[in-house]
Amino acid sequence: MRIAPSEFTAAPGAPYLRDRLNRAPQVRALCDVMQRVDGHGVVSIDGPWGSGKTAFVKMCAAVLRGRSVPVVEFNAWQQSYTNNPLVDVVSAIAAELGGSLRDDLKRALIDGSWHLAKVASRGVIDRDAIGQGAPAVI
């Protein structure tokens, strides 16, 4: 017999209803910081298995939705369909936005892809240099 806990849920109207670890102050603080970021940003939530990372993220998403911030949730463990993480993420975003990508989202994805290419290639692929006629190895 296998007993599995029910999936954690957090509603925009009551994001902390099931918060048994009293993380509301940390969730509010992260949401405040995320709303102040201008441009791109990365957030890493690290902890051992079972420490409440998923619950923390779901509470944060509920808080942001309650503040009328668009939120796309993506769980790589559950939403890996193509064996290509970028395609899976873009598909999740498209599905959340009703199947069509808005112009600002398209720009963000394109900018993010160029940034990833530059980092992964250790600077060999550089969008700005390519735009200025510099040769690039791709």
N, C-alpha and C. Protein backbone atom coordinates (compact mmCIF):
# COMPACT_ATOMS: atom_id res chain seq x y z
N MET A 1 0.84 -1.17 0.00
CA MET A 1 0.00 0.00 0.00
C MET A 1 0.89 1.24 0.00
N ARG A 2 0.54 2.18 -0.87
CA ARG A 2 1.30 3.42 -0.96
C ARG A 2 0.40 4.57 -0.53
N ILE A 3 0.87 5.36 0.38
CA ILE A 3 0.11 6.52 0.84
C ILE A 3 0.87 7.77 0.41
N ALA A 4 0.17 8.61 -0.33
CA ALA A 4 0.80 9.84 -0.82
C ALA A 4 0.03 11.03 -0.26
N PRO A 5 0.76 12.07 0.11
CA PRO A 5 0.06 13.26 0.61
C PRO A 5 -0.68 13.95 -0.52
N SER A 6 -1.72 14.70 -0.16
CA SER A 6 -2.44 15.45 -1.19
C SER A 6 -1.56 16.59 -1.67
N GLU A 7 -1.80 17.01 -2.91
CA GLU A 7 -1.00 18.08 -3.49
C GLU A 7 -1.28 19.39 -2.77
N PHE A 8 -0.23 20.14 -2.50
CA PHE A 8 -0.38 21.43 -1.82
C PHE A 8 -1.06 22.42 -2.75
N THR A 9 -2.02 23.15 -2.23
CA THR A 9 -2.69 24.18 -3.00
C THR A 9 -2.66 25.49 -2.22
N ALA A 10 -2.64 26.59 -2.97
CA ALA A 10 -2.68 27.92 -2.37
C ALA A 10 -3.54 28.80 -3.27
N ALA A 11 -4.57 29.38 -2.71
CA ALA A 11 -5.48 30.22 -3.49
C ALA A 11 -5.08 31.68 -3.36
N PRO A 12 -5.26 32.48 -4.43
CA PRO A 12 -4.92 33.91 -4.36
C PRO A 12 -5.60 34.64 -3.20
N GLY A 13 -6.80 34.24 -2.85
CA GLY A 13 -7.51 34.90 -1.74
C GLY A 13 -7.04 34.46 -0.37
N ALA A 14 -6.40 33.30 -0.29
CA ALA A 14 -5.93 32.77 0.99
C ALA A 14 -4.66 31.95 0.77
N PRO A 15 -3.56 32.59 0.38
CA PRO A 15 -2.36 31.83 0.03
C PRO A 15 -1.71 31.10 1.19
N TYR A 16 -1.98 31.53 2.43
CA TYR A 16 -1.29 30.94 3.58
C TYR A 16 -2.18 30.02 4.39
N LEU A 17 -3.32 29.66 3.86
CA LEU A 17 -4.28 28.83 4.58
C LEU A 17 -3.67 27.51 5.05
N ARG A 18 -2.83 26.91 4.21
CA ARG A 18 -2.23 25.61 4.55
C ARG A 18 -0.74 25.74 4.89
N ASP A 19 -0.30 26.93 5.25
CA ASP A 19 1.11 27.19 5.56
C ASP A 19 1.44 26.70 6.97
N ARG A 20 1.92 25.48 7.05
CA ARG A 20 2.24 24.88 8.35
C ARG A 20 3.65 25.24 8.84
N LEU A 21 4.46 25.81 7.96
CA LEU A 21 5.83 26.15 8.34
C LEU A 21 6.00 27.65 8.60
N ASN A 22 4.89 28.38 8.62
CA ASN A 22 4.91 29.82 8.89
C ASN A 22 5.89 30.57 7.99
N ARG A 23 5.73 30.37 6.70
CA ARG A 23 6.64 31.00 5.74
C ARG A 23 6.05 32.26 5.10
N ALA A 24 4.93 32.71 5.59
CA ALA A 24 4.28 33.89 5.01
C ALA A 24 5.22 35.10 4.92
N PRO A 25 6.00 35.41 5.96
CA PRO A 25 6.90 36.58 5.84
C PRO A 25 7.94 36.42 4.72
N GLN A 26 8.49 35.21 4.57
CA GLN A 26 9.48 34.98 3.52
C GLN A 26 8.83 35.03 2.13
N VAL A 27 7.63 34.49 2.01
CA VAL A 27 6.92 34.52 0.73
C VAL A 27 6.62 35.96 0.34
N ARG A 28 6.09 36.74 1.28
CA ARG A 28 5.80 38.16 0.99
C ARG A 28 7.06 38.90 0.59
N ALA A 29 8.15 38.64 1.29
CA ALA A 29 9.42 39.33 0.98
C ALA A 29 9.90 38.98 -0.42
N LEU A 30 9.85 37.70 -0.78
CA LEU A 30 10.28 37.31 -2.13
C LEU A 30 9.38 37.93 -3.19
N CYS A 31 8.08 37.93 -2.97
CA CYS A 31 7.15 38.52 -3.93
C CYS A 31 7.41 40.02 -4.09
N ASP A 32 7.70 40.70 -2.99
CA ASP A 32 8.01 42.13 -3.06
C ASP A 32 9.26 42.37 -3.90
N VAL A 33 10.29 41.56 -3.66
CA VAL A 33 11.54 41.71 -4.42
C VAL A 33 11.28 41.42 -5.90
N MET A 34 10.54 40.37 -6.19
CA MET A 34 10.28 39.99 -7.58
C MET A 34 9.53 41.10 -8.32
N GLN A 35 8.64 41.78 -7.64
CA GLN A 35 7.89 42.85 -8.29
C GLN A 35 8.73 44.11 -8.49
N ARG A 36 9.83 44.24 -7.77
CA ARG A 36 10.69 45.41 -7.92
C ARG A 36 11.77 45.24 -8.97
N VAL A 37 12.01 44.01 -9.41
CA VAL A 37 13.07 43.74 -10.38
C VAL A 37 12.69 44.36 -11.73
N ASP A 38 13.63 45.10 -12.29
CA ASP A 38 13.43 45.69 -13.60
C ASP A 38 14.28 44.90 -14.59
N GLY A 39 13.65 44.21 -15.49
CA GLY A 39 14.39 43.37 -16.44
C GLY A 39 14.33 41.91 -16.04
N HIS A 40 15.33 41.18 -16.46
CA HIS A 40 15.37 39.74 -16.22
C HIS A 40 15.91 39.45 -14.82
N GLY A 41 15.52 38.33 -14.28
CA GLY A 41 16.03 37.91 -12.99
C GLY A 41 15.89 36.40 -12.85
N VAL A 42 16.65 35.85 -11.94
CA VAL A 42 16.62 34.43 -11.67
C VAL A 42 16.46 34.24 -10.17
N VAL A 43 15.57 33.34 -9.79
CA VAL A 43 15.37 33.02 -8.39
C VAL A 43 15.64 31.53 -8.23
N SER A 44 16.45 31.19 -7.26
CA SER A 44 16.74 29.80 -6.98
C SER A 44 16.25 29.48 -5.57
N ILE A 45 15.40 28.49 -5.46
CA ILE A 45 14.90 28.06 -4.16
C ILE A 45 15.47 26.67 -3.94
N ASP A 46 16.35 26.56 -2.97
CA ASP A 46 17.10 25.33 -2.76
C ASP A 46 16.78 24.74 -1.39
N GLY A 47 16.70 23.46 -1.33
CA GLY A 47 16.46 22.78 -0.07
C GLY A 47 16.36 21.29 -0.31
N PRO A 48 16.50 20.51 0.73
CA PRO A 48 16.41 19.06 0.57
C PRO A 48 14.99 18.62 0.23
N TRP A 49 14.88 17.39 -0.25
CA TRP A 49 13.58 16.83 -0.60
C TRP A 49 12.67 16.89 0.62
N GLY A 50 11.44 17.38 0.40
CA GLY A 50 10.46 17.41 1.48
C GLY A 50 10.53 18.63 2.38
N SER A 51 11.37 19.61 2.01
CA SER A 51 11.53 20.78 2.88
C SER A 51 10.49 21.87 2.62
N GLY A 52 9.63 21.68 1.62
CA GLY A 52 8.56 22.64 1.38
C GLY A 52 8.79 23.62 0.24
N LYS A 53 9.70 23.30 -0.67
CA LYS A 53 9.98 24.21 -1.79
C LYS A 53 8.75 24.40 -2.67
N THR A 54 8.06 23.31 -3.00
CA THR A 54 6.88 23.41 -3.87
C THR A 54 5.79 24.22 -3.19
N ALA A 55 5.56 24.00 -1.92
CA ALA A 55 4.56 24.77 -1.19
C ALA A 55 4.93 26.25 -1.18
N PHE A 56 6.20 26.54 -0.97
CA PHE A 56 6.68 27.92 -0.96
C PHE A 56 6.40 28.60 -2.29
N VAL A 57 6.73 27.92 -3.39
CA VAL A 57 6.53 28.48 -4.73
C VAL A 57 5.04 28.66 -5.01
N LYS A 58 4.22 27.69 -4.61
CA LYS A 58 2.78 27.81 -4.85
C LYS A 58 2.18 28.97 -4.05
N MET A 59 2.65 29.17 -2.83
CA MET A 59 2.17 30.32 -2.05
C MET A 59 2.59 31.62 -2.72
N CYS A 60 3.82 31.66 -3.20
CA CYS A 60 4.32 32.86 -3.88
C CYS A 60 3.49 33.14 -5.14
N ALA A 61 3.20 32.10 -5.91
CA ALA A 61 2.38 32.27 -7.11
C ALA A 61 0.99 32.80 -6.75
N ALA A 62 0.41 32.27 -5.67
CA ALA A 62 -0.91 32.72 -5.24
C ALA A 62 -0.88 34.19 -4.81
N VAL A 63 0.17 34.58 -4.10
CA VAL A 63 0.30 35.98 -3.67
C VAL A 63 0.40 36.88 -4.90
N LEU A 64 1.24 36.51 -5.86
CA LEU A 64 1.41 37.32 -7.06
C LEU A 64 0.12 37.40 -7.87
N ARG A 65 -0.58 36.28 -7.99
CA ARG A 65 -1.86 36.31 -8.70
C ARG A 65 -2.85 37.22 -7.98
N GLY A 66 -2.82 37.19 -6.65
CA GLY A 66 -3.68 38.07 -5.86
C GLY A 66 -3.35 39.54 -6.08
N ARG A 67 -2.13 39.82 -6.51
CA ARG A 67 -1.69 41.18 -6.83
C ARG A 67 -1.85 41.47 -8.32
N SER A 68 -2.55 40.61 -9.03
CA SER A 68 -2.81 40.75 -10.48
C SER A 68 -1.54 40.68 -11.32
N VAL A 69 -0.57 39.90 -10.87
CA VAL A 69 0.65 39.67 -11.62
C VAL A 69 0.48 38.37 -12.40
N PRO A 70 0.74 38.38 -13.72
CA PRO A 70 0.63 37.12 -14.48
C PRO A 70 1.66 36.11 -13.99
N VAL A 71 1.24 34.89 -13.79
CA VAL A 71 2.12 33.83 -13.28
C VAL A 71 1.98 32.61 -14.16
N VAL A 72 3.11 32.04 -14.54
CA VAL A 72 3.13 30.76 -15.25
C VAL A 72 3.89 29.79 -14.38
N GLU A 73 3.22 28.74 -13.97
CA GLU A 73 3.89 27.72 -13.17
C GLU A 73 4.39 26.62 -14.10
N PHE A 74 5.63 26.20 -13.89
CA PHE A 74 6.22 25.14 -14.70
C PHE A 74 6.96 24.18 -13.78
N ASN A 75 6.58 22.92 -13.81
CA ASN A 75 7.21 21.89 -13.02
C ASN A 75 7.90 20.93 -13.98
N ALA A 76 9.22 21.00 -14.04
CA ALA A 76 9.98 20.18 -15.00
C ALA A 76 9.76 18.68 -14.78
N TRP A 77 9.47 18.28 -13.55
CA TRP A 77 9.25 16.86 -13.28
C TRP A 77 7.93 16.40 -13.89
N GLN A 78 6.95 17.28 -13.95
CA GLN A 78 5.63 16.90 -14.44
C GLN A 78 5.36 17.32 -15.88
N GLN A 79 6.09 18.30 -16.39
CA GLN A 79 5.78 18.86 -17.69
C GLN A 79 6.90 18.70 -18.71
N SER A 80 7.66 17.62 -18.60
CA SER A 80 8.73 17.35 -19.55
C SER A 80 8.20 16.39 -20.61
N TYR A 81 7.76 16.97 -21.75
CA TYR A 81 7.12 16.18 -22.79
C TYR A 81 8.02 15.94 -24.00
N THR A 82 8.93 16.87 -24.29
CA THR A 82 9.67 16.82 -25.55
C THR A 82 11.13 16.46 -25.40
N ASN A 83 11.61 16.33 -24.19
CA ASN A 83 13.03 16.11 -23.92
C ASN A 83 13.86 17.35 -24.28
N ASN A 84 13.18 18.48 -24.46
CA ASN A 84 13.83 19.76 -24.73
C ASN A 84 13.24 20.78 -23.76
N PRO A 85 13.96 21.11 -22.69
CA PRO A 85 13.40 21.98 -21.65
C PRO A 85 12.89 23.33 -22.17
N LEU A 86 13.58 23.94 -23.13
CA LEU A 86 13.15 25.24 -23.64
C LEU A 86 11.78 25.13 -24.33
N VAL A 87 11.60 24.08 -25.12
CA VAL A 87 10.31 23.87 -25.79
C VAL A 87 9.22 23.64 -24.75
N ASP A 88 9.52 22.87 -23.71
CA ASP A 88 8.52 22.60 -22.67
C ASP A 88 8.13 23.87 -21.92
N VAL A 89 9.11 24.71 -21.61
CA VAL A 89 8.82 25.96 -20.91
C VAL A 89 7.99 26.88 -21.79
N VAL A 90 8.38 27.04 -23.05
CA VAL A 90 7.64 27.92 -23.96
C VAL A 90 6.21 27.39 -24.14
N SER A 91 6.04 26.08 -24.22
CA SER A 91 4.70 25.50 -24.35
C SER A 91 3.85 25.79 -23.12
N ALA A 92 4.46 25.70 -21.95
CA ALA A 92 3.72 26.00 -20.72
C ALA A 92 3.30 27.46 -20.69
N ILE A 93 4.18 28.34 -21.12
CA ILE A 93 3.85 29.77 -21.15
C ILE A 93 2.73 30.02 -22.15
N ALA A 94 2.83 29.42 -23.32
CA ALA A 94 1.80 29.60 -24.34
C ALA A 94 0.45 29.08 -23.84
N ALA A 95 0.46 27.93 -23.17
CA ALA A 95 -0.79 27.36 -22.66
C ALA A 95 -1.40 28.27 -21.59
N GLU A 96 -0.58 28.83 -20.73
CA GLU A 96 -1.08 29.71 -19.67
C GLU A 96 -1.65 31.00 -20.23
N LEU A 97 -1.11 31.45 -21.34
CA LEU A 97 -1.58 32.70 -21.94
C LEU A 97 -2.66 32.46 -22.98
N GLY A 98 -3.30 31.31 -22.93
CA GLY A 98 -4.40 31.05 -23.84
C GLY A 98 -3.96 30.59 -25.21
N GLY A 99 -2.75 30.07 -25.33
CA GLY A 99 -2.29 29.53 -26.60
C GLY A 99 -1.59 30.53 -27.50
N SER A 100 -1.52 31.80 -27.14
CA SER A 100 -0.82 32.76 -27.99
C SER A 100 0.17 33.55 -27.14
N LEU A 101 1.34 33.76 -27.68
CA LEU A 101 2.37 34.52 -26.96
C LEU A 101 2.24 36.00 -27.25
N ARG A 102 2.24 36.79 -26.22
CA ARG A 102 2.18 38.24 -26.41
C ARG A 102 3.54 38.74 -26.86
N ASP A 103 3.57 39.94 -27.46
CA ASP A 103 4.81 40.51 -27.99
C ASP A 103 5.89 40.66 -26.93
N ASP A 104 5.52 41.13 -25.74
CA ASP A 104 6.54 41.31 -24.70
C ASP A 104 7.11 39.97 -24.25
N LEU A 105 6.30 38.94 -24.24
CA LEU A 105 6.78 37.62 -23.87
C LEU A 105 7.70 37.07 -24.96
N LYS A 106 7.33 37.28 -26.22
CA LYS A 106 8.19 36.85 -27.32
C LYS A 106 9.56 37.51 -27.21
N ARG A 107 9.57 38.82 -26.95
CA ARG A 107 10.84 39.53 -26.81
C ARG A 107 11.66 38.95 -25.66
N ALA A 108 11.00 38.69 -24.54
CA ALA A 108 11.70 38.15 -23.37
C ALA A 108 12.29 36.78 -23.68
N LEU A 109 11.54 35.94 -24.38
CA LEU A 109 12.05 34.61 -24.73
C LEU A 109 13.22 34.70 -25.70
N ILE A 110 13.11 35.60 -26.67
CA ILE A 110 14.21 35.77 -27.62
C ILE A 110 15.45 36.30 -26.92
N ASP A 111 15.27 37.33 -26.09
CA ASP A 111 16.40 37.89 -25.35
C ASP A 111 17.03 36.84 -24.44
N GLY A 112 16.17 36.08 -23.75
CA GLY A 112 16.68 35.03 -22.86
C GLY A 112 17.42 33.95 -23.62
N SER A 113 16.93 33.60 -24.80
CA SER A 113 17.61 32.58 -25.62
C SER A 113 18.98 33.05 -26.08
N TRP A 114 19.06 34.32 -26.49
CA TRP A 114 20.36 34.87 -26.88
C TRP A 114 21.32 34.89 -25.68
N HIS A 115 20.81 35.25 -24.53
CA HIS A 115 21.66 35.28 -23.33
C HIS A 115 22.16 33.87 -23.00
N LEU A 116 21.26 32.88 -23.05
CA LEU A 116 21.67 31.50 -22.79
C LEU A 116 22.72 31.04 -23.80
N ALA A 117 22.53 31.41 -25.07
CA ALA A 117 23.50 31.03 -26.10
C ALA A 117 24.86 31.65 -25.81
N LYS A 118 24.87 32.90 -25.37
CA LYS A 118 26.13 33.58 -25.07
C LYS A 118 26.84 32.92 -23.89
N VAL A 119 26.07 32.63 -22.83
CA VAL A 119 26.66 31.99 -21.65
C VAL A 119 27.15 30.59 -21.98
N ALA A 120 26.31 29.81 -22.66
CA ALA A 120 26.66 28.42 -22.98
C ALA A 120 27.88 28.34 -23.90
N SER A 121 28.03 29.34 -24.79
CA SER A 121 29.16 29.31 -25.72
C SER A 121 30.37 30.07 -25.19
N ARG A 122 30.27 30.52 -23.94
CA ARG A 122 31.35 31.29 -23.30
C ARG A 122 31.72 32.52 -24.13
N GLY A 123 30.68 33.17 -24.65
CA GLY A 123 30.88 34.43 -25.35
C GLY A 123 31.10 34.32 -26.84
N VAL A 124 31.21 33.10 -27.37
CA VAL A 124 31.43 32.94 -28.81
C VAL A 124 30.21 33.43 -29.57
N ILE A 125 29.03 33.08 -29.09
CA ILE A 125 27.80 33.56 -29.71
C ILE A 125 27.37 34.81 -28.95
N ASP A 126 27.46 35.94 -29.61
CA ASP A 126 27.13 37.22 -28.99
C ASP A 126 26.22 38.00 -29.92
N ARG A 127 24.99 38.18 -29.51
CA ARG A 127 23.98 38.85 -30.34
C ARG A 127 24.44 40.24 -30.78
N ASP A 128 25.00 41.01 -29.86
CA ASP A 128 25.43 42.36 -30.18
C ASP A 128 26.56 42.35 -31.20
N ALA A 129 27.52 41.43 -31.02
CA ALA A 129 28.64 41.35 -31.96
C ALA A 129 28.17 40.89 -33.33
N ILE A 130 27.24 39.94 -33.34
CA ILE A 130 26.72 39.45 -34.63
C ILE A 130 25.99 40.57 -35.34
N GLY A 131 25.21 41.35 -34.58
CA GLY A 131 24.47 42.48 -35.16
C GLY A 131 25.38 43.55 -35.73
N GLN A 132 26.62 43.61 -35.25
CA GLN A 132 27.58 44.61 -35.74
C GLN A 132 28.49 44.05 -36.82
N GLY A 133 28.19 42.85 -37.30
CA GLY A 133 28.95 42.28 -38.40
C GLY A 133 30.13 41.44 -37.99
N ALA A 134 30.34 41.23 -36.69
CA ALA A 134 31.46 40.40 -36.24
C ALA A 134 31.17 38.95 -36.55
N PRO A 135 32.18 38.18 -36.97
CA PRO A 135 31.94 36.77 -37.25
C PRO A 135 31.68 36.02 -35.95
N ALA A 136 30.88 35.01 -36.03
CA ALA A 136 30.59 34.18 -34.88
C ALA A 136 30.59 32.71 -35.30
N VAL A 137 31.01 31.86 -34.42
CA VAL A 137 30.98 30.44 -34.69
C VAL A 137 29.73 29.89 -34.04
N ILE A 138 28.89 29.29 -34.85
CA ILE A 138 27.64 28.73 -34.29
C ILE A 138 27.61 27.25 -34.63
